[in-house]
Protein backbone atom coordinates (compact mmCIF):
# COMPACT_ATOMS: atom_id res chain seq x y z
CA MET A 1 -0.06 0.00 -0.07
CA LYS A 2 1.28 3.65 -0.87
CA PRO A 3 0.94 5.87 2.12
CA PHE A 4 -2.11 8.40 1.47
CA LEU A 5 0.39 11.50 2.00
CA ASP A 6 2.62 10.12 -0.59
CA VAL A 7 -0.03 9.80 -3.04
CA GLU A 8 -1.22 13.38 -2.22
CA LYS A 9 2.36 14.58 -2.81
CA ASN A 10 2.52 12.83 -6.36
CA ARG A 11 -0.65 14.78 -7.69
CA ARG A 12 1.09 18.11 -5.98
CA ASN A 13 4.29 16.94 -8.12
CA TYR A 14 2.09 16.60 -11.50
CA HIS A 15 0.48 19.39 -11.77
CA LYS A 16 4.13 21.45 -10.97
CA ASN A 17 5.45 19.34 -13.93
CA GLN A 18 3.47 17.05 -16.41
CA LEU A 19 6.71 15.54 -17.70
CA LYS A 20 7.83 14.39 -14.46
CA ASN A 21 7.74 10.41 -14.14
CA THR A 22 5.28 10.07 -16.84
CA VAL A 23 2.88 6.93 -17.52
CA HIS A 24 2.50 5.22 -20.57
CA ARG A 25 1.15 1.94 -19.60
CA SER A 26 -2.05 1.43 -17.75
CA SER A 27 -3.39 -2.03 -17.07
CA LEU A 28 -6.08 -4.37 -15.09
CA LEU A 29 -7.07 -8.08 -14.81
CA VAL A 30 -10.62 -9.09 -14.82
CA PRO A 31 -11.12 -12.90 -13.79
CA LYS A 32 -13.75 -15.28 -15.67
CA PHE A 33 -16.62 -16.74 -13.68
CA PRO A 34 -18.99 -19.49 -14.75
CA ASN A 35 -22.23 -18.78 -16.12
CA THR A 36 -21.76 -15.00 -17.00
CA ASP A 37 -19.85 -12.92 -19.46
CA SER A 38 -17.21 -11.07 -18.78
CA ASN A 39 -17.33 -7.27 -20.01
CA ILE A 40 -15.35 -4.17 -19.73
CA THR A 41 -16.58 -0.66 -20.41
CA PHE A 42 -14.95 2.80 -20.44
CA LEU A 43 -15.86 6.33 -21.77
CA ASN A 44 -12.81 7.63 -24.04
CA HIS A 45 -11.69 9.76 -21.22
CA PHE A 46 -8.25 10.14 -23.02
CA LEU A 47 -9.54 12.31 -25.91
CA LEU A 48 -12.42 13.94 -23.97
CA LYS A 49 -10.51 15.05 -20.91
CA ARG A 50 -6.93 14.95 -22.53
CA LYS A 51 -7.24 15.16 -26.27
CA ASN A 52 -4.83 12.21 -26.86
CA LYS A 53 -6.08 9.96 -29.88
CA ASN A 54 -3.11 7.96 -29.56
CA VAL A 55 -4.44 5.22 -27.52
CA MET A 56 -4.38 1.36 -28.10
CA ILE A 57 -6.04 -1.20 -25.86
CA LYS A 58 -4.82 -4.80 -25.51
CA VAL A 59 -6.87 -7.71 -24.59
CA THR A 60 -4.98 -10.88 -23.77
CA ALA A 61 -6.84 -13.80 -22.70
CA VAL A 62 -4.79 -16.13 -20.22
CA SER A 63 -5.64 -19.62 -19.77
CA LYS A 64 -6.90 -21.74 -16.85
CA ASN A 65 -3.02 -22.80 -16.08
CA GLY A 66 -1.52 -18.90 -16.76
CA ALA A 67 -0.99 -19.15 -20.35
CA LEU A 68 -0.99 -17.16 -23.24
CA HIS A 69 -4.55 -18.30 -25.28
CA ASP A 70 -4.16 -15.58 -27.47
CA SER A 71 -4.60 -11.70 -27.69
CA THR A 72 -6.10 -8.87 -29.69
CA SER A 73 -5.54 -4.87 -29.77
CA ILE A 74 -8.27 -2.35 -30.56
CA GLN A 75 -7.60 1.50 -31.56
CA VAL A 76 -9.31 4.20 -29.01
CA ASP A 77 -9.54 7.19 -30.99
CA GLN A 78 -13.50 8.14 -31.04
CA PRO A 79 -15.29 10.21 -28.14
CA LYS A 80 -17.65 7.46 -27.29
CA VAL A 81 -18.17 4.42 -24.88
CA TYR A 82 -16.38 1.24 -25.62
CA SER A 83 -17.93 -2.12 -24.69
CA PHE A 84 -16.71 -5.19 -25.02
CA ILE A 85 -17.83 -8.82 -24.10
CA LEU A 86 -14.39 -10.29 -23.58
CA GLU A 87 -15.14 -13.66 -24.37
CA ASP A 88 -16.70 -12.72 -27.70
CA LEU A 89 -13.41 -11.52 -28.94
CA PHE A 90 -11.38 -14.76 -28.71
CA ASP A 91 -12.31 -18.24 -29.81
CA ASP A 92 -12.88 -21.50 -27.77
CA CYS A 93 -13.29 -19.90 -24.63
CA GLY A 94 -13.49 -23.09 -22.51
CA ASP A 95 -9.94 -23.04 -21.34
CA ILE A 96 -9.83 -19.18 -20.66
CA GLY A 97 -9.64 -18.39 -16.98
CA GLN A 98 -9.01 -14.46 -16.91
CA PHE A 99 -7.90 -11.65 -19.15
CA HIS A 100 -5.05 -8.98 -19.09
CA ILE A 101 -6.44 -5.61 -20.28
CA GLU A 102 -3.45 -2.94 -21.37
CA PHE A 103 -3.75 0.58 -22.70
CA PHE A 104 -0.60 2.13 -24.24
CA SER A 105 0.10 5.66 -25.53
CA SER A 106 3.17 7.56 -26.37
CA GLN A 107 1.54 10.53 -24.69
CA ASN A 108 1.19 10.84 -20.70
CA LEU A 109 -1.78 8.47 -19.38
CA PHE A 110 -1.05 10.44 -16.11
CA ILE A 111 -2.93 7.24 -13.98
CA PRO A 112 -1.24 3.59 -14.28
CA PHE A 113 -4.83 2.61 -13.52
CA PRO A 114 -7.33 2.90 -16.12
CA ALA A 115 -10.93 4.38 -15.43
CA VAL A 116 -12.40 0.96 -16.85
CA MET A 117 -15.54 -0.62 -15.41
CA VAL A 118 -15.24 -3.98 -14.98
CA ASN A 119 -19.25 -6.10 -15.50
CA HIS A 120 -19.91 -9.84 -14.90
CA ILE A 121 -23.60 -10.42 -16.21
CA GLY A 122 -25.50 -13.29 -15.01
CA ARG A 123 -29.33 -14.58 -15.27
CA ASP A 124 -30.49 -12.08 -12.49
CA PHE A 125 -27.77 -9.55 -11.67
CA ILE A 126 -25.16 -7.74 -13.24
CA ASN A 127 -22.33 -6.90 -10.89
CA SER A 128 -20.00 -3.78 -11.26
CA VAL A 129 -16.54 -2.87 -10.21
CA HIS A 130 -14.06 -0.40 -11.20
CA SER A 131 -10.63 -2.11 -12.05
CA TYR A 132 -8.98 -3.09 -8.75
CA ASN A 133 -5.77 -5.14 -9.44
CA ARG A 134 -3.06 -4.53 -11.99
CA ILE A 135 0.74 -5.73 -13.00
CA LEU A 136 3.14 -2.94 -12.24
CA ASN A 137 5.17 -1.14 -14.98
CA ASP A 138 8.09 -1.86 -13.29
CA VAL A 139 10.59 -2.38 -10.12
CA PHE A 140 10.67 1.27 -9.11
CA GLU A 141 7.10 1.45 -9.28
CA ASP A 142 6.98 -1.84 -7.38
CA ASP A 143 9.10 -0.13 -4.75
CA GLN A 144 6.64 2.55 -4.31
CA ILE A 145 3.32 0.59 -4.22
CA ASN A 146 4.40 -2.45 -2.43
CA SER A 147 6.23 -0.51 0.26
CA ARG A 148 3.72 -1.54 2.94
CA HIS A 149 2.16 -5.02 3.17
CA GLU A 150 -1.46 -4.42 4.58
CA LEU A 151 -4.63 -6.82 5.33
CA GLU A 152 -7.46 -6.75 3.41
CA ALA A 153 -10.83 -5.59 4.68
CA SER A 154 -13.75 -3.18 4.02
CA ILE A 155 -15.84 -6.86 3.29
CA ASP A 156 -18.89 -7.31 3.94
CA MET A 157 -20.57 -10.75 5.29
CA SER A 158 -23.57 -13.01 4.82
CA ILE A 159 -23.50 -16.61 5.83
CA ASP A 160 -26.61 -18.99 6.15
CA LYS A 161 -28.68 -21.57 4.20
CA ASN A 162 -28.70 -19.44 0.98
CA TYR A 163 -25.89 -17.10 0.89
CA ASP A 164 -22.28 -17.18 1.58
CA THR A 165 -19.25 -14.70 1.65
CA PHE A 166 -16.47 -15.10 -1.08
CA PHE A 167 -13.50 -13.66 -2.10
CA ASN A 168 -11.34 -13.90 -5.47
CA PHE A 169 -7.76 -14.19 -4.95
CA MET A 170 -5.86 -13.54 -8.22
CA THR A 171 -2.01 -14.07 -8.88
CA GLY A 172 0.32 -11.66 -10.81
CA PRO A 173 3.46 -12.68 -13.15
CA PHE A 174 5.01 -15.35 -10.53
CA ASP A 175 3.49 -18.51 -9.16
CA VAL A 176 2.19 -18.24 -5.81
CA ASP A 177 2.74 -21.21 -2.96
CA ASP A 178 1.87 -19.76 0.43
CA ALA A 179 -1.27 -19.42 2.55
CA LEU A 180 -4.04 -16.65 3.19
CA ASP A 181 -4.44 -15.76 6.59
CA ILE A 182 -7.80 -15.12 8.11
CA SER A 183 -9.41 -13.45 11.23
CA ILE A 184 -13.17 -12.68 11.93
CA LYS A 185 -13.81 -10.50 14.78
CA HIS A 186 -17.25 -9.96 16.75
CA LYS A 187 -17.48 -8.22 19.89
CA LYS A 188 -15.41 -11.04 22.06
CA LYS A 189 -14.99 -13.45 19.57
CA ASN A 190 -11.71 -13.24 17.62
CA LEU A 191 -11.67 -16.37 15.00
CA VAL A 192 -8.27 -17.24 12.84
CA GLY A 193 -7.70 -19.41 10.57
CA ASN A 194 -5.62 -19.94 7.38
CA LYS A 195 -5.84 -21.96 3.79
CA LYS A 196 -2.76 -22.99 1.80
CA ILE A 197 -2.41 -21.47 -1.85
CA LYS A 198 -0.85 -23.07 -4.68
CA LEU A 199 -1.71 -21.49 -7.71
CA LYS A 200 0.13 -20.48 -11.18
CA ARG A 201 0.86 -17.28 -12.29
CA LEU A 202 -1.63 -15.13 -13.95
CA THR A 203 -4.82 -17.03 -12.46
CA ASN A 204 -7.35 -16.45 -9.96
CA LYS A 205 -9.67 -18.58 -7.75
CA ASN A 206 -12.79 -18.14 -5.52
CA PHE A 207 -12.93 -19.04 -1.56
CA TYR A 208 -16.14 -19.19 0.21
CA LEU A 209 -15.65 -18.40 3.89
CA SER A 210 -18.17 -21.33 4.64
CA LYS A 211 -16.67 -24.05 3.44
CA ASP A 212 -13.02 -23.40 1.93
CA LEU A 213 -11.37 -21.54 4.93
CA ILE A 214 -9.96 -23.76 7.84
CA LEU A 215 -10.74 -21.98 11.00
CA LYS A 216 -9.67 -23.23 14.45
CA ASN A 217 -13.47 -23.35 15.49
CA GLN A 218 -15.75 -23.47 12.70
CA LYS A 219 -19.04 -23.79 14.73
CA SER A 220 -18.09 -20.27 16.56
CA MET A 221 -18.19 -19.04 12.98
CA PHE A 222 -21.19 -20.14 12.20
CA SER A 223 -22.60 -18.94 15.53
CA ILE A 224 -21.79 -15.46 14.93
CA PHE A 225 -24.11 -15.65 11.99
CA GLU A 226 -26.94 -17.17 13.85
CA ASN A 227 -29.68 -14.49 14.26
CA LEU A 228 -26.92 -12.03 13.53
CA ASP A 229 -28.51 -8.12 13.75
CA GLU A 230 -28.02 -6.38 10.41
CA GLU A 231 -26.65 -3.79 12.56
CA ILE A 232 -23.73 -5.90 13.49
CA ASN A 233 -21.24 -6.34 11.49
CA PRO A 234 -18.11 -8.98 12.12
CA VAL A 235 -14.82 -7.68 11.06
CA LEU A 236 -13.05 -9.50 8.58
CA ARG A 237 -9.61 -9.37 7.57
CA ILE A 238 -7.39 -11.36 4.99
CA SER A 239 -3.95 -11.14 4.58
CA GLN A 240 -2.89 -11.96 1.19
CA PRO A 241 1.05 -13.09 0.10
CA LYS A 242 2.79 -10.41 -0.99
CA GLN A 243 3.46 -10.58 -4.80
CA LYS A 244 6.22 -9.07 -6.80
CA LEU A 245 5.15 -6.74 -9.34
CA PHE A 246 1.45 -6.62 -8.69
CA TYR A 247 -0.96 -4.56 -7.18
CA GLY A 248 -3.68 -6.79 -6.16
CA ARG A 249 -7.11 -5.71 -4.18
CA MET A 250 -9.59 -9.03 -3.76
CA LEU A 251 -12.88 -9.23 -5.41
CA THR A 252 -14.98 -9.76 -2.26
CA GLY A 253 -18.93 -10.27 -1.86
CA VAL A 254 -21.91 -11.98 -1.00
CA MET A 255 -22.91 -14.88 -3.19
CA ASN A 256 -26.20 -16.63 -3.84
CA LYS A 257 -25.41 -20.27 -3.19
CA LYS A 258 -28.25 -21.53 -5.34
CA THR A 259 -28.23 -19.22 -8.59
CA LYS A 260 -24.83 -18.22 -8.24
CA ALA A 261 -25.52 -14.64 -8.69
CA PHE A 262 -23.14 -11.95 -6.62
CA SER A 263 -22.37 -8.64 -5.08
CA ALA A 264 -18.94 -7.67 -4.88
CA ASN A 265 -16.64 -4.75 -4.62
CA HIS A 266 -12.86 -4.44 -4.18
CA SER A 267 -11.42 -5.34 -0.89
CA TYR A 268 -9.74 -2.01 0.88
CA TYR A 269 -6.60 -1.71 2.66
CA ASP A 270 -6.61 -2.44 6.86
CA SER A 271 -4.43 0.93 8.36
CA SER A 272 -5.13 0.03 11.89
CA LYS A 273 -1.47 -0.82 12.17
CA PHE A 274 0.11 2.43 10.65
CA ARG A 275 -0.37 5.62 11.89
CA GLU A 276 -0.97 8.34 9.41
CA TYR A 277 -3.11 11.39 10.21
CA PHE A 278 -4.17 14.65 8.41
CA ASP A 279 -3.39 17.97 10.34
CA ASN A 280 -7.31 18.56 11.53
CA SER A 281 -9.46 16.33 13.60
CA GLU A 282 -12.90 16.51 11.19
CA SER A 283 -13.25 14.47 7.88
CA TYR A 284 -16.86 14.15 5.96
CA ARG A 285 -18.52 13.42 2.56
CA THR A 286 -21.94 14.25 1.17
CA TYR A 287 -23.86 11.51 -0.41
CA PRO A 288 -27.01 11.44 -2.90
CA PHE A 289 -30.28 10.05 -0.79
CA PHE A 290 -32.22 7.82 -3.25
CA PRO A 291 -36.00 7.90 -2.32
CA ASP A 292 -37.68 4.44 -2.22
CA CYS A 293 -34.52 2.50 -1.83
CA LYS A 294 -32.01 1.20 0.40
CA ASN A 295 -29.63 3.83 1.56
CA ARG A 296 -27.25 3.03 4.34
CA ILE A 297 -23.33 3.46 5.98
CA LYS A 298 -21.49 0.95 7.64
CA MET A 299 -17.82 1.69 8.71
CA TYR A 300 -15.59 -0.99 10.44
CA PRO A 301 -12.44 -0.37 12.52
CA ILE A 302 -9.83 -0.38 9.98
CA MET A 303 -8.41 3.17 10.12
CA SER A 304 -5.07 4.49 11.57
CA PRO A 305 -5.21 4.20 15.47
CA SER A 306 -7.89 6.63 16.91
CA ASN A 307 -11.24 6.98 18.72
CA ILE A 308 -13.69 8.50 16.23
CA ARG A 309 -17.47 10.19 16.46
CA VAL A 310 -19.49 9.78 13.64
CA PHE A 311 -22.70 11.29 13.18
CA ILE A 312 -25.02 11.97 10.06
CA GLU A 313 -26.75 15.02 8.76
CA VAL A 314 -30.02 14.87 6.70
CA TYR A 315 -31.66 17.91 4.66
CA ASP A 316 -35.18 18.90 3.61
CA GLY A 317 -34.63 22.76 2.36
CA ASN A 318 -33.16 24.80 5.04
CA LYS A 319 -34.31 22.13 7.44
CA LYS A 320 -31.87 19.83 8.87
CA TYR A 321 -31.58 16.96 11.59
CA THR A 322 -28.69 15.48 13.15
CA SER A 323 -28.51 11.69 14.18
CA GLU A 324 -27.47 10.60 17.22
CA SER A 325 -23.40 10.12 17.22
CA LYS A 326 -21.94 6.58 17.44
CA TYR A 327 -18.57 6.07 18.40
CA ILE A 328 -15.49 3.66 16.41
CA SER A 329 -12.11 2.76 18.05
CA SER A 330 -9.59 1.35 15.78
CA PRO A 331 -8.27 -1.33 15.95
CA SER A 332 -11.24 -3.01 17.65
CA ASN A 333 -14.01 -5.73 17.15
CA GLU A 334 -16.67 -3.22 16.89
CA SER A 335 -18.00 -1.91 13.62
CA ILE A 336 -20.53 0.87 13.30
CA TYR A 337 -23.89 1.35 11.02
CA PHE A 338 -26.33 4.10 10.08
CA ASP A 339 -29.29 3.40 8.31
CA ILE A 340 -30.29 6.92 6.59
CA ASN A 341 -33.95 5.86 5.65
CA LYS A 342 -34.78 5.59 9.58
CA ILE A 343 -33.00 9.01 10.11
CA VAL A 344 -34.73 10.70 7.46
CA SER A 345 -37.91 9.07 8.83
CA ASP A 346 -37.24 10.22 12.38
CA ALA A 347 -36.62 13.53 10.92
CA ASN A 348 -39.97 13.74 9.49
CA PHE A 349 -38.89 14.83 6.30
CA GLU A 350 -40.19 14.00 2.71
CA ASN A 351 -38.32 16.15 0.41
CA THR A 352 -34.49 14.62 1.43
CA SER A 353 -32.12 13.95 -1.46
CA LEU A 354 -28.68 14.75 0.08
CA TYR A 355 -27.22 13.36 3.43
CA LYS A 356 -23.57 14.17 5.02
CA ILE A 357 -21.32 12.03 7.14
CA TYR A 358 -18.77 13.59 9.68
CA ALA A 359 -16.33 11.81 11.44
CA LYS A 360 -14.43 13.89 14.37
CA CYS A 361 -11.81 12.78 16.42
CA GLU A 362 -11.98 14.43 19.57
CA ASP A 363 -8.69 13.44 21.41
CA GLY A 364 -6.20 13.63 18.21
CA LYS A 365 -6.04 14.17 14.71
CA ILE A 366 -8.19 12.21 12.17
CA PRO A 367 -6.79 9.28 10.04
CA THR A 368 -6.27 9.91 6.50
CA ARG A 369 -7.90 6.97 5.16
CA VAL A 370 -11.63 7.00 7.01
CA THR A 371 -12.95 3.69 4.97
CA HIS A 372 -16.54 3.13 4.94
CA GLN A 373 -18.97 0.76 3.06
CA LEU A 374 -21.80 2.87 0.93
CA ILE A 375 -25.10 0.68 0.89
CA TYR A 376 -27.80 0.97 -1.97
CA GLY A 377 -30.46 -1.10 -3.17
CA ALA A 378 -34.09 -2.00 -3.17
CA GLU A 379 -36.05 -1.19 -0.35
CA ASP A 380 -37.48 -4.02 2.06
CA THR A 381 -35.75 -6.34 -0.23
CA ASN A 382 -35.41 -10.15 0.64
CA SER A 383 -32.16 -10.06 -1.44
CA LYS A 384 -28.93 -10.02 0.41
CA LEU A 385 -27.34 -8.86 -2.90
CA ASP A 386 -26.84 -5.10 -2.05
CA CYS A 387 -24.34 -2.41 -3.64
CA SER A 388 -21.50 -2.35 -1.45
CA ILE A 389 -19.17 0.73 -2.14
CA ALA A 390 -15.74 1.02 -0.55
CA ILE A 391 -15.04 4.74 -0.10
CA ASN A 392 -12.88 7.01 1.83
CA LEU A 393 -14.22 10.43 3.68
CA ALA A 394 -12.74 13.82 2.27
CA ASN A 395 -10.65 16.02 3.92
CA LYS A 396 -9.83 19.77 4.03
CA GLN A 397 -6.37 18.93 3.57
CA ILE A 398 -6.74 16.97 0.48
CA PHE A 399 -4.78 18.86 -2.39
CA LYS A 400 -7.01 20.91 -4.89
CA PRO A 401 -5.21 23.00 -7.36
CA LYS A 402 -6.10 26.45 -7.58
CA SER A 403 -7.29 26.01 -11.16
CA LYS A 404 -9.22 23.01 -11.13
CA LYS A 405 -12.88 22.47 -11.82
CA GLY A 406 -15.39 19.75 -11.53
CA LEU A 407 -15.13 16.93 -13.50
CA CYS A 408 -16.29 13.42 -12.66
CA TRP A 409 -17.27 10.27 -15.12
CA GLY A 410 -19.10 6.74 -14.73
CA GLN A 411 -21.05 4.27 -16.19
CA VAL A 412 -25.23 3.66 -16.01
CA LEU A 413 -26.60 0.47 -16.69
CA CYS A 414 -29.72 0.48 -19.00
CA ASP A 415 -31.78 -2.34 -19.32
CA GLU A 416 -35.61 -2.82 -19.07
CA LYS A 417 -34.88 -5.60 -16.43
CA TYR A 418 -33.12 -3.18 -13.90
CA ARG A 419 -34.20 -0.08 -12.04
CA SER A 420 -30.98 2.56 -12.46
CA PHE A 421 -30.00 5.40 -10.58
CA LEU A 422 -27.22 8.10 -10.91
CA GLY A 423 -27.00 10.96 -8.32
CA LEU A 424 -24.58 14.10 -8.13
CA SER A 425 -23.86 15.76 -5.11
CA PHE A 426 -21.16 18.69 -3.77
CA ASN A 427 -19.24 18.03 -1.01
CA ASP A 428 -19.31 21.55 0.31
CA ASN A 429 -23.40 21.90 0.48
CA HIS A 430 -23.23 25.11 2.40
CA SER A 431 -22.35 26.88 -0.72
CA LYS A 432 -24.16 29.14 -3.44
CA PRO A 433 -26.25 26.99 -5.90
CA GLU A 434 -23.79 25.54 -8.81
CA LYS A 435 -24.86 24.50 -12.27
CA VAL A 436 -23.69 20.92 -13.78
CA LYS A 437 -23.43 20.23 -17.58
CA ILE A 438 -23.72 16.46 -18.10
CA ASP A 439 -22.75 14.93 -21.27
CA PHE A 440 -24.02 11.23 -21.71
CA TYR A 441 -22.07 8.80 -24.28
CA SER A 442 -23.20 5.65 -26.06
CA GLN A 443 -21.27 3.02 -28.10
CA LEU A 444 -22.46 5.31 -30.98
CA GLY A 445 -21.45 8.78 -29.34
CA LYS A 446 -22.89 11.48 -27.67
CA LEU A 447 -26.63 10.63 -26.67
CA LYS A 448 -27.76 14.02 -24.53
CA SER A 449 -26.34 16.75 -22.95
CA ILE A 450 -28.00 18.31 -20.30
CA SER A 451 -27.58 21.48 -17.48
CA ARG A 452 -29.02 21.58 -14.10
CA THR A 453 -28.73 23.59 -11.19
CA ILE A 454 -27.67 21.95 -7.84
CA ILE A 455 -28.69 23.88 -4.64
CA PRO A 456 -27.25 23.58 -1.40
CA LYS A 457 -28.44 20.76 0.65
CA GLU A 458 -29.43 18.81 -2.29
CA SER A 459 -28.30 16.20 -4.95
CA LEU A 460 -29.50 15.91 -8.38
CA ILE A 461 -30.90 12.21 -8.67
CA LEU A 462 -31.45 10.51 -12.40
CA ASP A 463 -33.38 7.24 -12.69
CA ASP A 464 -33.98 4.80 -15.28
CA SER A 465 -37.40 6.76 -16.77
CA PHE A 466 -34.70 9.46 -17.41
CA PHE A 467 -32.12 7.56 -19.31
CA GLN A 468 -35.06 5.83 -21.54
CA LYS A 469 -36.21 9.54 -22.25
CA ILE A 470 -32.62 10.43 -23.70
CA GLY A 471 -32.76 7.24 -25.93
CA ALA A 472 -30.43 5.31 -24.31
CA LYS A 473 -31.06 1.37 -25.23
CA SER A 474 -30.14 -2.13 -23.63
CA GLU A 475 -26.52 -1.01 -22.91
CA PHE A 476 -23.80 0.54 -20.52
CA ILE A 477 -23.94 4.30 -20.98
CA TRP A 478 -21.45 6.78 -19.47
CA PHE A 479 -21.80 10.36 -18.35
CA ILE A 480 -19.04 12.79 -17.69
CA ALA A 481 -20.07 16.02 -15.44
CA ASN A 482 -18.56 19.27 -15.29
CA SER A 483 -18.63 22.09 -13.14
CA GLU A 484 -16.77 25.23 -11.89
CA ARG A 485 -16.56 23.42 -8.17
CA SER A 486 -13.89 21.01 -7.67
CA ASP A 487 -16.11 18.90 -5.19
CA LEU A 488 -18.55 17.63 -7.36
CA SER A 489 -19.00 13.76 -7.45
CA ALA A 490 -21.50 10.71 -8.47
CA LYS A 491 -22.61 7.58 -7.26
CA CYS A 492 -24.23 4.65 -9.60
CA PHE A 493 -26.18 1.88 -8.86
CA HIS A 494 -28.80 -0.78 -10.20
CA TYR A 495 -30.99 -3.69 -9.18
CA HIS A 496 -32.73 -6.35 -10.87
CA ILE A 497 -36.42 -5.82 -10.67
CA LYS A 498 -37.18 -9.28 -10.20
CA SER A 499 -34.59 -10.58 -8.21
CA GLN A 500 -33.58 -7.54 -6.49
CA ASN A 501 -30.07 -8.24 -6.58
CA ALA A 502 -27.83 -4.91 -6.67
CA SER A 503 -24.65 -3.45 -7.64
CA GLY A 504 -22.68 -0.32 -8.35
CA GLU A 505 -19.99 2.32 -8.16
CA HIS A 506 -18.73 5.77 -7.37
CA SER A 507 -17.75 7.92 -10.24
CA PHE A 508 -13.98 8.24 -11.58
């Protein structure tokens, strides 16, 4: 893991000299799952944002034993969405285990992680996650990225007769003969175990918490999940082997045992053994509140050692309601949880479209990474496959160039079998109204441009009825939003109308 303050230092250096430490290759890996199509989509932001027409994508299919199956290359030079079912690019796909995606350019790409969405398309679910692992470009990047080796966390769990928790482990350019170390902490219980792994290079494997992992007391693990209150979330941490020339988060989530549908996002660092703080005591972030949907926050004790008070503000016009405070100590066994719908109901608000989470460290400085899970989904659903997005709180100390304007972009699913949502908001929710211009793109090019004004304490909510009106077909479309203010961001999610299995992501 690269320290957050080092990331901030690099951002400052980029704005001083854009020819320093230039990037000419970015990449990601995509695992192949049974009974699903493996899809990637991206908006040609290389052209739209940086006027770069000189980009090539190379897609390599890798066999289940880590050998080359085949590869193909595609020029990226049009102002549109690029979308590929990866299996359709190759013949004889039965032996393919994963795909290696690389972007190349003689011009500076700036970021070695491409703004690509990975979609696994099943019968009654589509799981969407942004690119989360990659083979590093050289040994110098390896020195920076892998200077610290942290546990994987930010993992929502569910284990019962219908659902299981899984994670997908991927190898980089070298074979792995090692073990995964696991801990599950819940109140006073601390269960530990491990799983031996021996995998070829460039392969991947799913592990299931209830059957594949050898814990010292397996019965105690199941007792944790018996009659588990939804507000109480056990803390799962996984130590994966350190791999040379590889940056790897895990794809982790919940799977329906019968249908094999899943909702998963990338894991995130457990920073509880590393002390890194901002020079202030408060972090925050605003989020869209989607009416008639599930809106929740989960926070695990995985930030730098600290004692933090957390509370939520919800808004209705000029009215504000503040939730009760909850306290989280890191490291510990105790997570915290907020049901935003209940908070809005307690406030008797009827027109809420925005809420804000505050984290205050009252006995010291706030950690740089205050990670939490942003939960969206169908309201009152029986499905346990919610959209769960790992995200960090913002802070006033985060670098913002004086000339920087607001720009964010992301993917939206358009399909008659799904309900889809897009919410845009500003983190500074106490300032003046601000105009936002949003361009929507399909695989044919620009679909529609709109302008909307977002007023303080509100967010802009668009749903599938809007996307139908602008002519979106059954496809993944992308948006790119611009404003004069730099604190603009967006959240997208969807759920299958019948199964109510959900997934989504934050914007780039």
